[in-house]
Amino acid sequence: MIVFEGRAALSAFRLSRLARRLGLADEGLQATFVYFLDMPAADAAQAAQLARILEARQVVLADLGSGLYVVPRLGTVSPWASKATDILRACGLPVARVERGVAYRFAAAPALDAATLR
């Protein structure tokens, strides 16, 4: 699996609204797209092409850090993933599947109960 971390997943307004709902300062919350690719190891040219297409940078899964990761249910293929996989294949990349999630990171770990997480 190859992992890329992308741009902000939420606008400044939505991020601020979510931070207030969670009782955090605006700068205490970050939300970025994370892309998970099922493909053989990418060479440098393929990695650069993926970075341009996804507007993201390749990262090591262990370096993503802690936070709350929201991804589609296991065993499902989101409409985004279906279309993105087709696009990457049309670009000549040997991708079996690509999926997008959102990584929420907190500057200070809040005490979130199950109801708040839902």
C-alpha atoms as a PDB file:
ATOM      1  CA  MET A   1       0.000   0.000   0.000  1.00  0.00           C
ATOM      2  CA  ILE A   2       1.186   3.463  -0.905  1.00  0.00           C
ATOM      3  CA  VAL A   3      -0.047   6.422   1.132  1.00  0.00           C
ATOM      4  CA  PHE A   4      -0.288  10.074   0.127  1.00  0.00           C
ATOM      5  CA  GLU A   5      -1.307  13.008   2.293  1.00  0.00           C
ATOM      6  CA  GLY A   6      -3.112  15.794   0.498  1.00  0.00           C
ATOM      7  CA  ARG A   7      -4.584  19.213   0.945  1.00  0.00           C
ATOM      8  CA  ALA A   8      -7.046  20.439   3.538  1.00  0.00           C
ATOM      9  CA  ALA A   9     -10.261  18.415   3.568  1.00  0.00           C
ATOM     10  CA  LEU A  10     -12.410  21.190   5.040  1.00  0.00           C
ATOM     11  CA  SER A  11     -12.691  24.891   4.289  1.00  0.00           C
ATOM     12  CA  ALA A  12     -11.578  27.282   7.023  1.00  0.00           C
ATOM     13  CA  PHE A  13     -15.236  27.983   7.845  1.00  0.00           C
ATOM     14  CA  ARG A  14     -16.171  24.297   8.230  1.00  0.00           C
ATOM     15  CA  LEU A  15     -13.017  23.549  10.205  1.00  0.00           C
ATOM     16  CA  SER A  16     -13.732  26.450  12.553  1.00  0.00           C
ATOM     17  CA  ARG A  17     -17.351  25.336  13.017  1.00  0.00           C
ATOM     18  CA  LEU A  18     -16.261  21.761  13.790  1.00  0.00           C
ATOM     19  CA  ALA A  19     -13.587  22.965  16.238  1.00  0.00           C
ATOM     20  CA  ARG A  20     -16.208  25.018  18.102  1.00  0.00           C
ATOM     21  CA  ARG A  21     -18.569  22.010  18.267  1.00  0.00           C
ATOM     22  CA  LEU A  22     -15.733  19.974  19.784  1.00  0.00           C
ATOM     23  CA  GLY A  23     -14.742  22.725  22.200  1.00  0.00           C
ATOM     24  CA  LEU A  24     -11.335  23.339  20.612  1.00  0.00           C
ATOM     25  CA  ALA A  25      -9.531  26.459  19.511  1.00  0.00           C
ATOM     26  CA  ASP A  26      -9.576  26.874  15.724  1.00  0.00           C
ATOM     27  CA  GLU A  27      -5.859  26.125  15.483  1.00  0.00           C
ATOM     28  CA  GLY A  28      -6.373  22.970  17.571  1.00  0.00           C
ATOM     29  CA  LEU A  29      -7.896  20.980  14.710  1.00  0.00           C
ATOM     30  CA  GLN A  30      -6.558  19.946  11.328  1.00  0.00           C
ATOM     31  CA  ALA A  31      -8.310  17.934   8.593  1.00  0.00           C
ATOM     32  CA  THR A  32      -6.458  16.649   5.531  1.00  0.00           C
ATOM     33  CA  PHE A  33      -7.202  14.169   2.777  1.00  0.00           C
ATOM     34  CA  VAL A  34      -5.293  10.894   2.908  1.00  0.00           C
ATOM     35  CA  TYR A  35      -5.098   8.616  -0.134  1.00  0.00           C
ATOM     36  CA  PHE A  36      -4.482   4.873   0.126  1.00  0.00           C
ATOM     37  CA  LEU A  37      -3.338   3.172  -3.073  1.00  0.00           C
ATOM     38  CA  ASP A  38      -3.292  -0.557  -3.719  1.00  0.00           C
ATOM     39  CA  MET A  39      -0.527  -0.911  -6.267  1.00  0.00           C
ATOM     40  CA  PRO A  40       2.996  -2.273  -6.587  1.00  0.00           C
ATOM     41  CA  ALA A  41       5.743  -0.013  -5.282  1.00  0.00           C
ATOM     42  CA  ALA A  42       5.827   3.149  -7.369  1.00  0.00           C
ATOM     43  CA  ASP A  43       9.061   4.210  -9.016  1.00  0.00           C
ATOM     44  CA  ALA A  44      10.124   7.849  -8.803  1.00  0.00           C
ATOM     45  CA  ALA A  45       8.324   8.853 -12.020  1.00  0.00           C
ATOM     46  CA  GLN A  46       5.075   7.170 -10.954  1.00  0.00           C
ATOM     47  CA  ALA A  47       5.271   8.714  -7.470  1.00  0.00           C
ATOM     48  CA  ALA A  48       5.763  12.163  -9.000  1.00  0.00           C
ATOM     49  CA  GLN A  49       2.824  11.597 -11.369  1.00  0.00           C
ATOM     50  CA  LEU A  50       0.605  10.473  -8.468  1.00  0.00           C
ATOM     51  CA  ALA A  51       1.654  13.494  -6.411  1.00  0.00           C
ATOM     52  CA  ARG A  52       0.643  15.829  -9.265  1.00  0.00           C
ATOM     53  CA  ILE A  53      -2.692  14.111  -9.917  1.00  0.00           C
ATOM     54  CA  LEU A  54      -3.704  13.800  -6.257  1.00  0.00           C
ATOM     55  CA  GLU A  55      -2.162  17.144  -5.269  1.00  0.00           C
ATOM     56  CA  ALA A  56      -0.513  15.293  -2.398  1.00  0.00           C
ATOM     57  CA  ARG A  57       2.834  14.100  -1.097  1.00  0.00           C
ATOM     58  CA  GLN A  58       3.859  10.518  -0.477  1.00  0.00           C
ATOM     59  CA  VAL A  59       4.220   9.585   3.183  1.00  0.00           C
ATOM     60  CA  VAL A  60       5.053   6.501   5.187  1.00  0.00           C
ATOM     61  CA  LEU A  61       1.971   5.143   6.932  1.00  0.00           C
ATOM     62  CA  ALA A  62       3.747   5.167  10.314  1.00  0.00           C
ATOM     63  CA  ASP A  63       4.597   8.874   9.841  1.00  0.00           C
ATOM     64  CA  LEU A  64       0.963   9.971   9.522  1.00  0.00           C
ATOM     65  CA  GLY A  65       0.748  10.283  13.269  1.00  0.00           C
ATOM     66  CA  SER A  66      -2.145   9.893  15.621  1.00  0.00           C
ATOM     67  CA  GLY A  67      -5.575  11.276  15.073  1.00  0.00           C
ATOM     68  CA  LEU A  68      -8.984  10.191  13.924  1.00  0.00           C
ATOM     69  CA  TYR A  69      -9.106   8.686  10.435  1.00  0.00           C
ATOM     70  CA  VAL A  70     -12.428   8.519   8.612  1.00  0.00           C
ATOM     71  CA  VAL A  71     -12.524   6.134   5.657  1.00  0.00           C
ATOM     72  CA  PRO A  72     -15.269   4.182   3.885  1.00  0.00           C
ATOM     73  CA  ARG A  73     -16.457   0.974   5.510  1.00  0.00           C
ATOM     74  CA  LEU A  74     -14.292  -2.072   5.009  1.00  0.00           C
ATOM     75  CA  GLY A  75     -15.435  -4.046   1.991  1.00  0.00           C
ATOM     76  CA  THR A  76     -17.117  -1.112   0.236  1.00  0.00           C
ATOM     77  CA  VAL A  77     -15.880   0.857  -2.754  1.00  0.00           C
ATOM     78  CA  SER A  78     -16.908   4.502  -2.657  1.00  0.00           C
ATOM     79  CA  PRO A  79     -18.043   6.233  -5.846  1.00  0.00           C
ATOM     80  CA  TRP A  80     -15.003   8.513  -5.496  1.00  0.00           C
ATOM     81  CA  ALA A  81     -12.678   5.489  -5.395  1.00  0.00           C
ATOM     82  CA  SER A  82     -14.302   3.875  -8.413  1.00  0.00           C
ATOM     83  CA  LYS A  83     -13.892   6.970 -10.584  1.00  0.00           C
ATOM     84  CA  ALA A  84     -10.422   7.855  -9.256  1.00  0.00           C
ATOM     85  CA  THR A  85      -9.176   4.306  -9.919  1.00  0.00           C
ATOM     86  CA  ASP A  86     -10.424   4.545 -13.517  1.00  0.00           C
ATOM     87  CA  ILE A  87      -8.689   7.913 -13.974  1.00  0.00           C
ATOM     88  CA  LEU A  88      -5.366   6.681 -12.577  1.00  0.00           C
ATOM     89  CA  ARG A  89      -5.486   3.585 -14.785  1.00  0.00           C
ATOM     90  CA  ALA A  90      -6.195   5.789 -17.829  1.00  0.00           C
ATOM     91  CA  CYS A  91      -3.043   7.736 -16.892  1.00  0.00           C
ATOM     92  CA  GLY A  92      -1.070   4.498 -17.255  1.00  0.00           C
ATOM     93  CA  LEU A  93      -0.579   3.802 -13.551  1.00  0.00           C
ATOM     94  CA  PRO A  94      -0.832   0.163 -12.372  1.00  0.00           C
ATOM     95  CA  VAL A  95      -3.407   0.900  -9.649  1.00  0.00           C
ATOM     96  CA  ALA A  96      -5.657  -1.873  -8.362  1.00  0.00           C
ATOM     97  CA  ARG A  97      -7.619   0.605  -6.224  1.00  0.00           C
ATOM     98  CA  VAL A  98      -7.342   4.021  -4.620  1.00  0.00           C
ATOM     99  CA  GLU A  99      -9.426   5.197  -1.668  1.00  0.00           C
ATOM    100  CA  ARG A 100      -9.659   8.590  -0.010  1.00  0.00           C
ATOM    101  CA  GLY A 101     -10.100   9.269   3.684  1.00  0.00           C
ATOM    102  CA  VAL A 102      -9.905  12.257   5.982  1.00  0.00           C
ATOM    103  CA  ALA A 103      -7.355  12.544   8.780  1.00  0.00           C
ATOM    104  CA  TYR A 104      -8.471  14.684  11.727  1.00  0.00           C
ATOM    105  CA  ARG A 105      -5.597  15.713  13.981  1.00  0.00           C
ATOM    106  CA  PHE A 106      -5.907  17.475  17.296  1.00  0.00           C
ATOM    107  CA  ALA A 107      -3.286  19.824  18.785  1.00  0.00           C
ATOM    108  CA  ALA A 108      -4.380  18.726  22.249  1.00  0.00           C
ATOM    109  CA  ALA A 109      -6.125  15.402  22.626  1.00  0.00           C
ATOM    110  CA  PRO A 110      -9.707  16.256  23.579  1.00  0.00           C
ATOM    111  CA  ALA A 111     -11.801  13.990  25.742  1.00  0.00           C
ATOM    112  CA  LEU A 112     -14.313  12.865  23.137  1.00  0.00           C
ATOM    113  CA  ASP A 113     -17.074  10.503  24.173  1.00  0.00           C
ATOM    114  CA  ALA A 114     -18.752   8.074  21.764  1.00  0.00           C
ATOM    115  CA  ALA A 115     -21.687  10.434  21.108  1.00  0.00           C
ATOM    116  CA  THR A 116     -19.372  13.284  20.107  1.00  0.00           C
ATOM    117  CA  LEU A 117     -17.359  11.026  17.789  1.00  0.00           C
ATOM    118  CA  ARG A 118     -20.558   9.928  16.027  1.00  0.00           C
END
